[in-house]
Amino acid sequence: MVTQLEKVDFEHFVIPHHKDIVTKKIQTFILHSENGIIKFNARIDQEMSDGMENALAYFIPEMVFLIQRRQHQRFSFLKGTQFQLLWTI
């Protein structure tokens, strides 16, 4: 299923409701951009989703692992430095 993000804040992201989404299960999401993809699992925030009309709110995961499957790396990090992913709108 392909959908669009409706909203992103510090704890949640929101997508339109769809009849094929099973809200009792952890969902796998794949975000596509021109620079690549990010794949992660997320759990629905049922309380927040119940207060929304035709939308579902999911918790943003605390950790997202980035995996490169390329012969030549697109990016690398200096040894001893930490990488932080910041969501901005």
Protein backbone atom coordinates (compact mmCIF):
# COMPACT_ATOMS: atom_id res chain seq x y z
CA MET A 1 0.00 0.00 0.00
CA VAL A 2 1.30 3.46 -0.86
CA THR A 3 0.29 6.49 1.19
CA GLN A 4 1.47 9.97 2.17
CA LEU A 5 2.54 11.33 5.53
CA GLU A 6 -0.06 13.79 6.79
CA LYS A 7 1.78 15.03 9.86
CA VAL A 8 5.02 14.44 11.78
CA ASP A 9 5.83 15.73 15.27
CA PHE A 10 8.35 14.76 17.95
CA GLU A 11 6.55 11.55 18.98
CA HIS A 12 4.18 10.58 16.16
CA PHE A 13 3.59 10.49 12.46
CA VAL A 14 0.12 10.37 10.93
CA ILE A 15 -1.10 8.63 7.78
CA PRO A 16 -4.59 8.44 6.25
CA HIS A 17 -6.73 5.53 7.45
CA HIS A 18 -7.13 2.63 5.01
CA LYS A 19 -9.41 -0.40 5.34
CA ASP A 20 -6.52 -2.83 4.67
CA ILE A 21 -4.44 -1.67 7.66
CA VAL A 22 -4.57 -4.11 10.60
CA THR A 23 -4.16 -1.79 13.58
CA LYS A 24 -3.51 -4.62 16.07
CA LYS A 25 -0.16 -5.47 14.43
CA ILE A 26 3.16 -3.67 14.27
CA GLN A 27 3.47 -2.16 10.79
CA THR A 28 6.54 -1.92 8.57
CA PHE A 29 7.06 1.42 6.83
CA ILE A 30 9.39 2.34 3.98
CA LEU A 31 10.07 6.04 3.40
CA HIS A 32 11.25 6.83 -0.13
CA SER A 33 13.18 9.92 -1.22
CA GLU A 34 15.52 10.87 -4.04
CA ASN A 35 18.47 9.94 -1.80
CA GLY A 36 17.33 6.46 -0.80
CA ILE A 37 14.97 4.61 1.52
CA ILE A 38 14.52 4.17 5.26
CA LYS A 39 12.72 1.06 6.53
CA PHE A 40 11.39 0.74 10.10
CA ASN A 41 8.62 -0.80 12.20
CA ALA A 42 6.12 1.27 14.18
CA ARG A 43 3.26 0.65 16.59
CA ILE A 44 -0.04 2.53 16.40
CA ASP A 45 -0.99 5.00 19.13
CA GLN A 46 -4.58 3.80 19.48
CA GLU A 47 -5.59 6.54 21.93
CA MET A 48 -4.43 9.34 19.63
CA SER A 49 -5.84 7.60 16.53
CA ASP A 50 -9.28 7.23 18.14
CA GLY A 51 -9.48 11.03 18.42
CA MET A 52 -8.72 11.56 14.72
CA GLU A 53 -11.08 11.37 11.80
CA ASN A 54 -9.89 9.06 8.97
CA ALA A 55 -6.27 9.05 10.14
CA LEU A 56 -3.91 6.78 12.08
CA ALA A 57 -1.14 7.97 14.41
CA TYR A 58 1.99 5.86 14.91
CA PHE A 59 4.81 6.26 17.42
CA ILE A 60 8.11 7.30 15.86
CA PRO A 61 10.61 4.57 16.77
CA GLU A 62 13.39 5.50 19.18
CA MET A 63 15.97 3.87 16.93
CA VAL A 64 16.26 3.40 13.16
CA PHE A 65 19.06 1.28 11.72
CA LEU A 66 20.50 2.42 8.39
CA ILE A 67 21.85 -0.31 6.13
CA GLN A 68 23.75 0.37 2.94
CA ARG A 69 23.68 -2.33 0.30
CA ARG A 70 26.00 -0.71 -2.19
CA GLN A 71 29.45 -1.47 -3.44
CA HIS A 72 30.49 2.15 -2.85
CA GLN A 73 29.22 3.86 0.30
CA ARG A 74 27.03 6.92 -0.10
CA PHE A 75 28.07 8.20 3.30
CA SER A 76 30.47 7.29 6.08
CA PHE A 77 31.31 8.53 9.57
CA LEU A 78 34.57 9.30 11.28
CA LYS A 79 35.60 6.72 13.82
CA GLY A 80 34.39 7.68 17.28
CA THR A 81 31.67 10.06 16.06
CA GLN A 82 27.97 9.48 16.58
CA PHE A 83 25.26 9.82 13.96
CA GLN A 84 21.95 11.42 14.95
CA LEU A 85 18.84 11.52 12.81
CA LEU A 86 16.71 14.63 13.32
CA TRP A 87 13.19 14.88 11.92
CA THR A 88 12.33 18.33 10.59
CA ILE A 89 9.28 19.67 8.88
